[in-house]
């Protein structure tokens, strides 16, 4: 009897196309350098400036916990950050979380 090994079907997930731009906009709105952002968000010491650069250029994506930290720092809901249907507000809200819906 032959044993059939099935290869898993790997489907790539849809990537948010505007995420990199939004991450850069948030950092610039907060007036932080990449290293300043790492400190402000309290990111793990393993996160380096090259990681932030890769996120802002769209080469890589931060993990979910990091995305949550970005959203909190910008006072926006996570939907606004990761959903391409929404753009960031022209100015980041000072305190109240921005919900477009």
Protein backbone atom coordinates (compact mmCIF):
# COMPACT_ATOMS: atom_id res chain seq x y z
CA UNK A 1 0.00 0.00 0.00
CA UNK A 2 1.33 3.42 -1.00
CA UNK A 3 1.30 6.14 1.55
CA UNK A 4 0.11 9.43 0.10
CA UNK A 5 1.52 12.53 1.66
CA UNK A 6 -0.50 15.63 0.99
CA UNK A 7 1.24 18.90 0.82
CA UNK A 8 -0.63 21.60 2.67
CA UNK A 9 -2.05 24.29 0.49
CA UNK A 10 -0.45 27.52 1.52
CA UNK A 11 -2.43 30.57 0.64
CA UNK A 12 -0.91 33.89 1.31
CA UNK A 13 -3.15 36.21 3.23
CA UNK A 14 -4.10 39.60 1.98
CA UNK A 15 -1.69 42.25 3.11
CA UNK A 16 -2.89 45.68 4.06
CA UNK A 17 -1.52 47.79 1.23
CA UNK A 18 -1.55 51.08 3.16
CA UNK A 19 -0.02 49.75 6.39
CA UNK A 20 3.57 50.79 5.70
CA UNK A 21 2.51 54.32 4.80
CA UNK A 22 0.35 54.58 7.92
CA UNK A 23 3.17 53.38 10.18
CA UNK A 24 5.46 56.04 8.75
CA UNK A 25 2.75 58.71 9.09
CA UNK A 26 2.24 57.81 12.74
CA UNK A 27 5.94 58.00 13.54
CA UNK A 28 6.24 61.35 11.77
CA UNK A 29 3.09 62.71 13.45
CA UNK A 30 4.57 61.74 16.81
CA UNK A 31 7.78 63.52 15.74
CA UNK A 32 9.93 60.52 16.63
CA UNK A 33 13.01 58.99 15.09
CA UNK A 34 12.89 55.26 14.49
CA UNK A 35 14.85 54.68 17.70
CA UNK A 36 12.59 57.14 19.50
CA UNK A 37 9.55 55.19 18.33
CA UNK A 38 11.05 51.95 19.62
CA UNK A 39 11.49 53.57 23.04
CA UNK A 40 8.07 55.29 23.00
CA UNK A 41 6.21 52.08 22.17
CA UNK A 42 8.21 50.10 24.71
CA UNK A 43 9.19 47.58 22.08
CA UNK A 44 11.37 44.64 22.95
CA UNK A 45 15.09 45.30 22.90
CA UNK A 46 15.33 42.88 19.98
CA UNK A 47 13.47 45.36 17.75
CA UNK A 48 16.04 47.37 15.89
CA UNK A 49 15.89 50.42 13.69
CA UNK A 50 16.16 48.15 10.64
CA UNK A 51 12.89 46.44 11.66
CA UNK A 52 11.04 49.76 11.82
CA UNK A 53 12.55 50.72 8.48
CA UNK A 54 11.38 47.42 6.94
CA UNK A 55 7.86 47.98 8.31
CA UNK A 56 7.72 51.52 6.93
CA UNK A 57 8.89 50.35 3.51
CA UNK A 58 6.44 47.47 3.38
CA UNK A 59 9.09 44.74 3.34
CA UNK A 60 7.85 43.24 6.60
CA UNK A 61 4.92 43.66 8.96
CA UNK A 62 5.04 44.11 12.71
CA UNK A 63 3.34 41.53 14.87
CA UNK A 64 -0.14 42.11 16.26
CA UNK A 65 1.03 43.34 19.66
CA UNK A 66 3.24 45.93 18.00
CA UNK A 67 0.35 47.07 15.79
CA UNK A 68 -1.77 47.52 18.91
CA UNK A 69 0.98 49.67 20.44
CA UNK A 70 1.11 51.81 17.28
CA UNK A 71 -2.68 52.28 17.37
CA UNK A 72 -2.65 53.24 21.05
CA UNK A 73 0.21 55.70 20.55
CA UNK A 74 -1.71 57.33 17.69
CA UNK A 75 -5.04 57.29 19.60
CA UNK A 76 -6.77 55.42 16.78
CA UNK A 77 -8.54 52.09 16.68
CA UNK A 78 -6.75 49.11 15.20
CA UNK A 79 -9.25 49.00 12.31
CA UNK A 80 -8.03 52.38 11.08
CA UNK A 81 -4.45 51.18 11.17
CA UNK A 82 -4.82 47.89 9.33
CA UNK A 83 -7.92 48.31 7.17
CA UNK A 84 -7.18 49.83 3.77
CA UNK A 85 -10.72 51.22 3.62
CA UNK A 86 -9.74 53.82 6.22
CA UNK A 87 -7.17 56.56 6.06
CA UNK A 88 -5.50 58.06 9.07
CA UNK A 89 -7.03 61.32 10.23
CA UNK A 90 -5.17 64.41 9.01
CA UNK A 91 -4.09 65.06 12.59
CA UNK A 92 -3.83 62.33 15.16
CA UNK A 93 -6.47 62.71 17.88
CA UNK A 94 -5.01 64.10 21.11
CA UNK A 95 -6.75 61.65 23.45
CA UNK A 96 -9.96 60.13 22.20
CA UNK A 97 -9.59 57.07 19.99
CA UNK A 98 -10.64 57.80 16.43
CA UNK A 99 -13.35 55.45 15.14
CA UNK A 100 -14.55 56.24 11.61
CA UNK A 101 -17.67 54.08 11.94
